[in-house]
Amino acid sequence: MTCALCPITVRKAMQGVAGVKSVAVDLESGTATVVFDPSVTNANAIVTASTNAGYRASVKR
């Protein structure tokens, strides 16, 4: 992420996944913290949404 709009794009992409409850994106660290309902979705679906929006993502556990 390189500009102020990048976190907004990432957040919207992740929030578009059914089951996502909240998304907090930190531009400086290039990270997102996502709270989601695991009975509805999973981390891979959220990563895919970010990647499809043009921002490669991975799960950090």
Protein backbone atom coordinates (compact mmCIF):
# COMPACT_ATOMS: atom_id res chain seq x y z
CA MET A 1 0.00 0.00 0.00
CA THR A 2 1.45 3.28 -1.08
CA CYS A 3 -1.19 5.98 -0.72
CA ALA A 4 -4.03 7.10 1.54
CA LEU A 5 -6.65 5.45 -0.70
CA CYS A 6 -5.03 2.01 -0.59
CA PRO A 7 -6.32 1.13 2.91
CA ILE A 8 -9.82 2.20 1.92
CA THR A 9 -9.76 -0.11 -1.10
CA VAL A 10 -8.43 -3.01 0.97
CA ARG A 11 -10.98 -2.41 3.73
CA LYS A 12 -13.90 -2.28 1.30
CA ALA A 13 -12.76 -5.45 -0.46
CA MET A 14 -12.46 -7.34 2.81
CA GLN A 15 -15.73 -5.98 4.17
CA GLY A 16 -17.43 -7.27 1.04
CA VAL A 17 -16.86 -10.85 2.19
CA ALA A 18 -19.92 -12.28 3.91
CA GLY A 19 -19.17 -12.92 7.58
CA VAL A 20 -16.59 -10.15 8.00
CA LYS A 21 -17.50 -8.13 11.08
CA SER A 22 -14.73 -5.50 11.11
CA VAL A 23 -11.57 -4.53 9.28
CA ALA A 24 -8.83 -2.20 10.56
CA VAL A 25 -6.11 -1.38 8.01
CA ASP A 26 -2.78 0.20 9.02
CA LEU A 27 -1.08 1.93 6.09
CA GLU A 28 2.27 2.34 7.84
CA SER A 29 2.68 -1.34 8.71
CA GLY A 30 0.85 -2.59 5.64
CA THR A 31 -1.37 -4.83 7.74
CA ALA A 32 -5.05 -5.43 8.26
CA THR A 33 -6.74 -6.89 11.32
CA VAL A 34 -9.98 -8.63 10.44
CA VAL A 35 -12.67 -9.97 12.75
CA PHE A 36 -14.91 -12.50 11.05
CA ASP A 37 -17.41 -15.26 11.75
CA PRO A 38 -15.62 -18.55 10.97
CA SER A 39 -18.95 -20.30 10.49
CA VAL A 40 -19.59 -18.02 7.49
CA THR A 41 -16.16 -17.42 5.93
CA ASN A 42 -12.46 -18.12 6.37
CA ALA A 43 -9.17 -16.27 6.17
CA ASN A 44 -8.45 -17.55 2.66
CA ALA A 45 -11.64 -15.95 1.30
CA ILE A 46 -10.63 -12.62 2.85
CA VAL A 47 -7.11 -12.88 1.41
CA THR A 48 -8.60 -13.64 -2.00
CA ALA A 49 -10.84 -10.56 -1.80
CA SER A 50 -7.84 -8.34 -1.08
CA THR A 51 -5.78 -9.95 -3.83
CA ASN A 52 -8.63 -9.56 -6.32
CA ALA A 53 -8.73 -5.85 -5.44
CA GLY A 54 -5.06 -5.60 -6.41
CA TYR A 55 -3.46 -5.92 -2.98
CA ARG A 56 -1.65 -9.17 -2.32
CA ALA A 57 -2.34 -10.46 1.16
CA SER A 58 -1.41 -13.39 3.38
CA VAL A 59 -2.49 -14.73 6.73
CA LYS A 60 -0.28 -13.99 9.70
CA ARG A 61 -1.12 -16.14 12.69
